[in-house]
Structures are given as C-alpha cells and as structure tokens.
C-alpha cells in the first residue's frame, strides 16, 4: 500500500517516469497496472494544463 501511495504521489506531481518505476514493482496489483499505462500515455503526449484528472479517450 505504501509503494502504491508513493507511485500515486509521483503521478500527481507529473513525475511519470519515476511513477512508472514504482508501479512496475507492483506487477500483481490491478490499480498499479492502470496507472502504469496512464503514465506511459502521459509521457508520450504530456498535457500542458494538467490538473491531475485523467481523461479517457476510448472505452
């Protein structure tokens, strides 16, 4: 739980590369897998005015 909280904090701070490394340490956790994918997407196309809210583009 502590490790996920660390990853989430990094995610919210836009420190996605670091968050990815933390979430990779939790391979069996479904929530970490979701945030791992989100971090990868955000790194590819970082939003300028990001407020921490993730906007799904597809289902």
PDB file of N, CA and C in Angstrom:
ATOM      1  N   UNK A   1       0.820  -1.199   0.000  1.00  0.00           N
ATOM      2  CA  UNK A   1       0.000   0.000   0.000  1.00  0.00           C
ATOM      3  C   UNK A   1       0.866   1.265   0.000  1.00  0.00           C
ATOM      4  N   UNK A   2       1.945   1.225   0.762  1.00  0.00           N
ATOM      5  CA  UNK A   2       2.850   2.373   0.839  1.00  0.00           C
ATOM      6  C   UNK A   2       3.492   2.652  -0.518  1.00  0.00           C
ATOM      7  N   UNK A   3       3.868   1.592  -1.217  1.00  0.00           N
ATOM      8  CA  UNK A   3       4.509   1.743  -2.521  1.00  0.00           C
ATOM      9  C   UNK A   3       3.538   2.337  -3.537  1.00  0.00           C
ATOM     10  N   UNK A   4       2.281   1.882  -3.514  1.00  0.00           N
ATOM     11  CA  UNK A   4       1.278   2.436  -4.425  1.00  0.00           C
ATOM     12  C   UNK A   4       1.075   3.923  -4.132  1.00  0.00           C
ATOM     13  N   UNK A   5       1.008   4.285  -2.867  1.00  0.00           N
ATOM     14  CA  UNK A   5       0.828   5.691  -2.482  1.00  0.00           C
ATOM     15  C   UNK A   5       1.990   6.543  -2.993  1.00  0.00           C
ATOM     16  N   UNK A   6       3.186   5.991  -2.956  1.00  0.00           N
ATOM     17  CA  UNK A   6       4.353   6.715  -3.479  1.00  0.00           C
ATOM     18  C   UNK A   6       4.211   6.936  -4.988  1.00  0.00           C
ATOM     19  N   UNK A   7       3.806   5.885  -5.702  1.00  0.00           N
ATOM     20  CA  UNK A   7       3.607   5.999  -7.148  1.00  0.00           C
ATOM     21  C   UNK A   7       2.522   7.000  -7.488  1.00  0.00           C
ATOM     22  N   UNK A   8       1.451   6.973  -6.737  1.00  0.00           N
ATOM     23  CA  UNK A   8       0.341   7.892  -6.969  1.00  0.00           C
ATOM     24  C   UNK A   8       0.768   9.342  -6.735  1.00  0.00           C
ATOM     25  N   UNK A   9       1.555   9.555  -5.718  1.00  0.00           N
ATOM     26  CA  UNK A   9       2.058  10.900  -5.436  1.00  0.00           C
ATOM     27  C   UNK A   9       2.935  11.403  -6.588  1.00  0.00           C
ATOM     28  N   UNK A  10       3.803  10.546  -7.089  1.00  0.00           N
ATOM     29  CA  UNK A  10       4.652  10.917  -8.226  1.00  0.00           C
ATOM     30  C   UNK A  10       3.803  11.198  -9.458  1.00  0.00           C
ATOM     31  N   UNK A  11       2.790  10.395  -9.679  1.00  0.00           N
ATOM     32  CA  UNK A  11       1.864  10.583 -10.805  1.00  0.00           C
ATOM     33  C   UNK A  11       1.220  11.967 -10.731  1.00  0.00           C
ATOM     34  N   UNK A  12       0.730  12.314  -9.569  1.00  0.00           N
ATOM     35  CA  UNK A  12       0.051  13.603  -9.394  1.00  0.00           C
ATOM     36  C   UNK A  12       1.002  14.787  -9.548  1.00  0.00           C
ATOM     37  N   UNK A  13       2.285  14.549  -9.296  1.00  0.00           N
ATOM     38  CA  UNK A  13       3.300  15.600  -9.436  1.00  0.00           C
ATOM     39  C   UNK A  13       3.867  15.672 -10.853  1.00  0.00           C
ATOM     40  N   UNK A  14       3.278  14.909 -11.769  1.00  0.00           N
ATOM     41  CA  UNK A  14       3.731  14.845 -13.167  1.00  0.00           C
ATOM     42  C   UNK A  14       5.118  14.244 -13.302  1.00  0.00           C
ATOM     43  N   UNK A  15       5.515  13.452 -12.361  1.00  0.00           N
ATOM     44  CA  UNK A  15       6.817  12.777 -12.396  1.00  0.00           C
ATOM     45  C   UNK A  15       6.575  11.348 -12.877  1.00  0.00           C
ATOM     46  N   UNK A  16       6.101  11.255 -14.125  1.00  0.00           N
ATOM     47  CA  UNK A  16       5.607   9.984 -14.657  1.00  0.00           C
ATOM     48  C   UNK A  16       6.681   8.931 -14.829  1.00  0.00           C
ATOM     49  N   UNK A  17       7.878   9.303 -15.217  1.00  0.00           N
ATOM     50  CA  UNK A  17       8.957   8.309 -15.359  1.00  0.00           C
ATOM     51  C   UNK A  17       9.247   7.638 -14.020  1.00  0.00           C
ATOM     52  N   UNK A  18       9.306   8.431 -12.977  1.00  0.00           N
ATOM     53  CA  UNK A  18       9.558   7.886 -11.646  1.00  0.00           C
ATOM     54  C   UNK A  18       8.378   7.050 -11.170  1.00  0.00           C
ATOM     55  N   UNK A  19       7.181   7.503 -11.461  1.00  0.00           N
ATOM     56  CA  UNK A  19       5.978   6.757 -11.071  1.00  0.00           C
ATOM     57  C   UNK A  19       5.950   5.395 -11.754  1.00  0.00           C
ATOM     58  N   UNK A  20       6.353   5.349 -13.018  1.00  0.00           N
ATOM     59  CA  UNK A  20       6.397   4.078 -13.747  1.00  0.00           C
ATOM     60  C   UNK A  20       7.298   3.086 -13.021  1.00  0.00           C
ATOM     61  N   UNK A  21       8.452   3.541 -12.585  1.00  0.00           N
ATOM     62  CA  UNK A  21       9.382   2.646 -11.888  1.00  0.00           C
ATOM     63  C   UNK A  21       8.762   2.094 -10.605  1.00  0.00           C
ATOM     64  N   UNK A  22       7.998   2.907  -9.908  1.00  0.00           N
ATOM     65  CA  UNK A  22       7.348   2.449  -8.675  1.00  0.00           C
ATOM     66  C   UNK A  22       6.230   1.463  -9.004  1.00  0.00           C
ATOM     67  N   UNK A  23       5.376   1.797  -9.966  1.00  0.00           N
ATOM     68  CA  UNK A  23       4.262   0.917 -10.306  1.00  0.00           C
ATOM     69  C   UNK A  23       4.740  -0.423 -10.863  1.00  0.00           C
ATOM     70  N   UNK A  24       5.902  -0.445 -11.499  1.00  0.00           N
ATOM     71  CA  UNK A  24       6.469  -1.704 -12.011  1.00  0.00           C
ATOM     72  C   UNK A  24       6.799  -2.673 -10.881  1.00  0.00           C
ATOM     73  N   UNK A  25       6.999  -2.158  -9.694  1.00  0.00           N
ATOM     74  CA  UNK A  25       7.320  -3.001  -8.538  1.00  0.00           C
ATOM     75  C   UNK A  25       6.082  -3.691  -7.973  1.00  0.00           C
ATOM     76  N   UNK A  26       4.910  -3.386  -8.535  1.00  0.00           N
ATOM     77  CA  UNK A  26       3.647  -3.956  -8.058  1.00  0.00           C
ATOM     78  C   UNK A  26       2.933  -4.678  -9.207  1.00  0.00           C
ATOM     79  N   UNK A  27       3.565  -5.696  -9.796  1.00  0.00           N
ATOM     80  CA  UNK A  27       3.016  -6.323 -11.006  1.00  0.00           C
ATOM     81  C   UNK A  27       1.685  -7.052 -10.802  1.00  0.00           C
ATOM     82  N   UNK A  28       1.364  -7.440  -9.601  1.00  0.00           N
ATOM     83  CA  UNK A  28       0.118  -8.171  -9.345  1.00  0.00           C
ATOM     84  C   UNK A  28      -1.045  -7.259  -8.967  1.00  0.00           C
ATOM     85  N   UNK A  29      -0.789  -5.969  -8.868  1.00  0.00           N
ATOM     86  CA  UNK A  29      -1.813  -5.014  -8.439  1.00  0.00           C
ATOM     87  C   UNK A  29      -2.513  -4.401  -9.650  1.00  0.00           C
ATOM     88  N   UNK A  30      -3.820  -4.658  -9.826  1.00  0.00           N
ATOM     89  CA  UNK A  30      -4.543  -4.119 -10.982  1.00  0.00           C
ATOM     90  C   UNK A  30      -4.537  -2.588 -11.054  1.00  0.00           C
ATOM     91  N   UNK A  31      -4.640  -1.921  -9.934  1.00  0.00           N
ATOM     92  CA  UNK A  31      -4.643  -0.448  -9.937  1.00  0.00           C
ATOM     93  C   UNK A  31      -3.291   0.088 -10.414  1.00  0.00           C
ATOM     94  N   UNK A  32      -2.220  -0.550 -10.008  1.00  0.00           N
ATOM     95  CA  UNK A  32      -0.892  -0.129 -10.460  1.00  0.00           C
ATOM     96  C   UNK A  32      -0.749  -0.311 -11.962  1.00  0.00           C
ATOM     97  N   UNK A  33      -1.330  -1.373 -12.497  1.00  0.00           N
ATOM     98  CA  UNK A  33      -1.287  -1.611 -13.946  1.00  0.00           C
ATOM     99  C   UNK A  33      -1.998  -0.487 -14.695  1.00  0.00           C
ATOM    100  N   UNK A  34      -3.112  -0.022 -14.151  1.00  0.00           N
ATOM    101  CA  UNK A  34      -3.853   1.083 -14.769  1.00  0.00           C
ATOM    102  C   UNK A  34      -2.990   2.343 -14.786  1.00  0.00           C
ATOM    103  N   UNK A  35      -2.388   2.662 -13.659  1.00  0.00           N
ATOM    104  CA  UNK A  35      -1.573   3.872 -13.583  1.00  0.00           C
ATOM    105  C   UNK A  35      -0.290   3.744 -14.396  1.00  0.00           C
ATOM    106  N   UNK A  36       0.220   2.548 -14.525  1.00  0.00           N
ATOM    107  CA  UNK A  36       1.390   2.319 -15.368  1.00  0.00           C
ATOM    108  C   UNK A  36       1.079   2.682 -16.815  1.00  0.00           C
ATOM    109  N   UNK A  37      -0.075   2.234 -17.301  1.00  0.00           N
ATOM    110  CA  UNK A  37      -0.497   2.574 -18.671  1.00  0.00           C
ATOM    111  C   UNK A  37      -0.737   4.073 -18.811  1.00  0.00           C
ATOM    112  N   UNK A  38      -1.371   4.660 -17.828  1.00  0.00           N
ATOM    113  CA  UNK A  38      -1.651   6.100 -17.897  1.00  0.00           C
ATOM    114  C   UNK A  38      -0.365   6.915 -17.929  1.00  0.00           C
ATOM    115  N   UNK A  39       0.594   6.534 -17.111  1.00  0.00           N
ATOM    116  CA  UNK A  39       1.876   7.249 -17.100  1.00  0.00           C
ATOM    117  C   UNK A  39       2.547   7.165 -18.463  1.00  0.00           C
ATOM    118  N   UNK A  40       2.513   5.993 -19.068  1.00  0.00           N
ATOM    119  CA  UNK A  40       3.123   5.820 -20.391  1.00  0.00           C
ATOM    120  C   UNK A  40       2.438   6.718 -21.419  1.00  0.00           C
ATOM    121  N   UNK A  41       1.113   6.789 -21.366  1.00  0.00           N
ATOM    122  CA  UNK A  41       0.361   7.656 -22.286  1.00  0.00           C
ATOM    123  C   UNK A  41       0.706   9.128 -22.058  1.00  0.00           C
ATOM    124  N   UNK A  42       0.762   9.521 -20.813  1.00  0.00           N
ATOM    125  CA  UNK A  42       1.041  10.918 -20.485  1.00  0.00           C
ATOM    126  C   UNK A  42       2.461  11.320 -20.879  1.00  0.00           C
ATOM    127  N   UNK A  43       3.392  10.389 -20.801  1.00  0.00           N
ATOM    128  CA  UNK A  43       4.759  10.674 -21.240  1.00  0.00           C
ATOM    129  C   UNK A  43       4.824  10.897 -22.743  1.00  0.00           C
ATOM    130  N   UNK A  44       4.025  10.145 -23.487  1.00  0.00           N
ATOM    131  CA  UNK A  44       4.015  10.283 -24.944  1.00  0.00           C
ATOM    132  C   UNK A  44       3.441  11.619 -25.381  1.00  0.00           C
ATOM    133  N   UNK A  45       2.407  12.055 -24.682  1.00  0.00           N
ATOM    134  CA  UNK A  45       1.730  13.288 -25.064  1.00  0.00           C
ATOM    135  C   UNK A  45       1.355  14.069 -23.805  1.00  0.00           C
ATOM    136  N   UNK A  46       2.328  14.723 -23.173  1.00  0.00           N
ATOM    137  CA  UNK A  46       2.047  15.424 -21.918  1.00  0.00           C
ATOM    138  C   UNK A  46       1.127  16.627 -22.112  1.00  0.00           C
ATOM    139  N   UNK A  47       0.053  16.682 -21.354  1.00  0.00           N
ATOM    140  CA  UNK A  47      -0.853  17.828 -21.447  1.00  0.00           C
ATOM    141  C   UNK A  47      -0.220  19.071 -20.820  1.00  0.00           C
ATOM    142  N   UNK A  48      -0.474  20.215 -21.433  1.00  0.00           N
ATOM    143  CA  UNK A  48       0.093  21.457 -20.912  1.00  0.00           C
ATOM    144  C   UNK A  48      -0.574  21.876 -19.609  1.00  0.00           C
ATOM    145  N   UNK A  49      -1.865  21.860 -19.598  1.00  0.00           N
ATOM    146  CA  UNK A  49      -2.629  22.310 -18.426  1.00  0.00           C
ATOM    147  C   UNK A  49      -3.227  21.102 -17.720  1.00  0.00           C
ATOM    148  N   UNK A  50      -2.394  20.297 -17.098  1.00  0.00           N
ATOM    149  CA  UNK A  50      -2.858  19.070 -16.464  1.00  0.00           C
ATOM    150  C   UNK A  50      -3.165  19.313 -15.000  1.00  0.00           C
ATOM    151  N   UNK A  51      -4.378  18.957 -14.571  1.00  0.00           N
ATOM    152  CA  UNK A  51      -4.785  19.170 -13.180  1.00  0.00           C
ATOM    153  C   UNK A  51      -4.882  17.866 -12.395  1.00  0.00           C
ATOM    154  N   UNK A  52      -4.330  16.797 -12.964  1.00  0.00           N
ATOM    155  CA  UNK A  52      -4.366  15.507 -12.284  1.00  0.00           C
ATOM    156  C   UNK A  52      -5.518  14.629 -12.700  1.00  0.00           C
ATOM    157  N   UNK A  53      -6.421  15.172 -13.487  1.00  0.00           N
ATOM    158  CA  UNK A  53      -7.586  14.407 -13.931  1.00  0.00           C
ATOM    159  C   UNK A  53      -7.229  13.681 -15.219  1.00  0.00           C
ATOM    160  N   UNK A  54      -7.494  12.381 -15.246  1.00  0.00           N
ATOM    161  CA  UNK A  54      -7.236  11.585 -16.441  1.00  0.00           C
ATOM    162  C   UNK A  54      -8.498  11.564 -17.290  1.00  0.00           C
ATOM    163  N   UNK A  55      -8.356  11.900 -18.559  1.00  0.00           N
ATOM    164  CA  UNK A  55      -9.491  11.910 -19.482  1.00  0.00           C
ATOM    165  C   UNK A  55      -9.361  10.706 -20.400  1.00  0.00           C
ATOM    166  N   UNK A  56     -10.329   9.800 -20.326  1.00  0.00           N
ATOM    167  CA  UNK A  56     -10.313   8.616 -21.186  1.00  0.00           C
ATOM    168  C   UNK A  56     -10.725   9.019 -22.593  1.00  0.00           C
ATOM    169  N   UNK A  57      -9.963   8.581 -23.557  1.00  0.00           N
ATOM    170  CA  UNK A  57     -10.240   8.903 -24.957  1.00  0.00           C
ATOM    171  C   UNK A  57     -11.003   7.784 -25.658  1.00  0.00           C
ATOM    172  N   UNK A  58     -10.897   6.563 -25.147  1.00  0.00           N
ATOM    173  CA  UNK A  58     -11.607   5.412 -25.713  1.00  0.00           C
ATOM    174  C   UNK A  58     -12.136   4.539 -24.585  1.00  0.00           C
ATOM    175  N   UNK A  59     -13.015   3.633 -24.963  1.00  0.00           N
ATOM    176  CA  UNK A  59     -13.544   2.679 -23.980  1.00  0.00           C
ATOM    177  C   UNK A  59     -12.672   1.465 -23.905  1.00  0.00           C
TER     178      UNK A  59
END
